[in-house]
Amino acid sequence: MMSCKETTEGIATDRFASAGFFTRLSLRFHLFMCRHCRSYASQIRSLGDTTRCLCDDDPCLSPKARQAILDSCLEAASREEAADPKAE
């Protein structure tokens, strides 16, 4: 059976999209057995849906809410760059 580390890394990098049949079967079995990885996969899927909603012209968010989220992301990114001495 696939380990939790292999599962979460594969989900985060979307490595399983082009994986073979038995690898995907192993992933499905692991997600069936492990509620923590299943929850992580669900969170990653929700994050992707939200990101697509921000980037598309889909009316799932009001323009004001979309701008607030984008501003918050940009602010967080600039704080990370300022805190990271290697960012230069």
Protein backbone atom coordinates (compact mmCIF):
# COMPACT_ATOMS: atom_id res chain seq x y z
CA MET A 1 0.00 0.00 0.00
CA MET A 2 1.13 3.53 -0.77
CA SER A 3 2.37 5.59 2.20
CA CYS A 4 0.67 8.79 3.35
CA LYS A 5 3.74 10.79 2.33
CA GLU A 6 3.70 9.36 -1.21
CA THR A 7 -0.05 9.96 -1.43
CA THR A 8 0.00 13.59 -0.29
CA GLU A 9 3.04 14.47 -2.40
CA GLY A 10 1.42 12.91 -5.45
CA ILE A 11 -1.86 14.71 -4.85
CA ALA A 12 -0.14 18.07 -4.30
CA THR A 13 1.93 17.79 -7.48
CA ASP A 14 -0.86 16.20 -9.54
CA ARG A 15 1.51 13.33 -10.33
CA PHE A 16 -1.36 10.83 -10.42
CA ALA A 17 -3.06 12.48 -13.40
CA SER A 18 -0.68 10.73 -15.79
CA ALA A 19 -0.01 7.65 -13.64
CA GLY A 20 -0.67 4.12 -14.75
CA PHE A 21 -3.67 1.99 -13.85
CA PHE A 22 -2.12 0.20 -10.87
CA THR A 23 -0.70 3.40 -9.39
CA ARG A 24 -4.11 5.06 -9.55
CA LEU A 25 -5.69 1.93 -8.10
CA SER A 26 -3.20 2.04 -5.23
CA LEU A 27 -4.05 5.71 -4.68
CA ARG A 28 -7.78 4.98 -4.59
CA PHE A 29 -7.25 2.14 -2.15
CA HIS A 30 -5.13 4.33 0.11
CA LEU A 31 -7.74 7.11 0.04
CA PHE A 32 -10.42 4.54 0.84
CA MET A 33 -8.48 3.34 3.88
CA CYS A 34 -6.99 6.63 5.17
CA ARG A 35 -9.38 9.34 6.27
CA HIS A 36 -6.56 11.86 6.77
CA CYS A 37 -5.34 11.60 3.16
CA ARG A 38 -8.95 11.59 1.96
CA SER A 39 -9.52 14.84 3.85
CA TYR A 40 -6.30 16.31 2.42
CA ALA A 41 -7.35 15.36 -1.12
CA SER A 42 -10.70 17.04 -0.55
CA GLN A 43 -9.01 20.22 0.71
CA ILE A 44 -6.68 20.33 -2.30
CA ARG A 45 -9.65 19.84 -4.63
CA SER A 46 -11.53 22.71 -2.91
CA LEU A 47 -8.46 24.93 -3.13
CA GLY A 48 -8.18 24.23 -6.85
CA ASP A 49 -11.87 24.97 -7.37
CA THR A 50 -11.54 28.27 -5.50
CA THR A 51 -8.43 29.23 -7.46
CA ARG A 52 -10.15 28.48 -10.77
CA CYS A 53 -13.11 30.54 -9.63
CA LEU A 54 -10.79 33.50 -8.97
CA CYS A 55 -9.09 33.19 -12.34
CA ASP A 56 -12.15 32.56 -14.49
CA ASP A 57 -14.90 34.99 -15.27
CA ASP A 58 -17.28 32.64 -13.49
CA PRO A 59 -19.76 34.62 -11.39
CA CYS A 60 -19.28 32.42 -8.32
CA LEU A 61 -17.75 35.39 -6.47
CA SER A 62 -18.73 39.01 -6.48
CA PRO A 63 -16.09 41.37 -7.89
CA LYS A 64 -15.61 42.85 -4.40
CA ALA A 65 -15.00 39.43 -2.82
CA ARG A 66 -12.68 38.41 -5.68
CA GLN A 67 -10.59 41.58 -5.24
CA ALA A 68 -10.43 41.12 -1.45
CA ILE A 69 -9.10 37.58 -1.85
CA LEU A 70 -6.56 38.64 -4.48
CA ASP A 71 -5.38 41.54 -2.31
CA SER A 72 -5.00 39.23 0.66
CA CYS A 73 -2.95 36.74 -1.40
CA LEU A 74 -0.68 39.47 -2.74
CA GLU A 75 -0.18 40.87 0.75
CA ALA A 76 0.72 37.43 2.13
CA ALA A 77 3.16 36.84 -0.73
CA SER A 78 4.90 40.16 -0.15
CA ARG A 79 5.18 39.40 3.60
CA GLU A 80 6.77 36.05 2.78
CA GLU A 81 9.27 37.67 0.42
CA ALA A 82 10.17 40.28 3.04
CA ALA A 83 10.67 37.61 5.70
CA ASP A 84 12.76 35.30 3.44
CA PRO A 85 16.40 36.47 3.33
CA LYS A 86 17.09 34.15 0.33
CA ALA A 87 14.38 35.75 -1.84
CA GLU A 88 16.83 38.15 -3.49
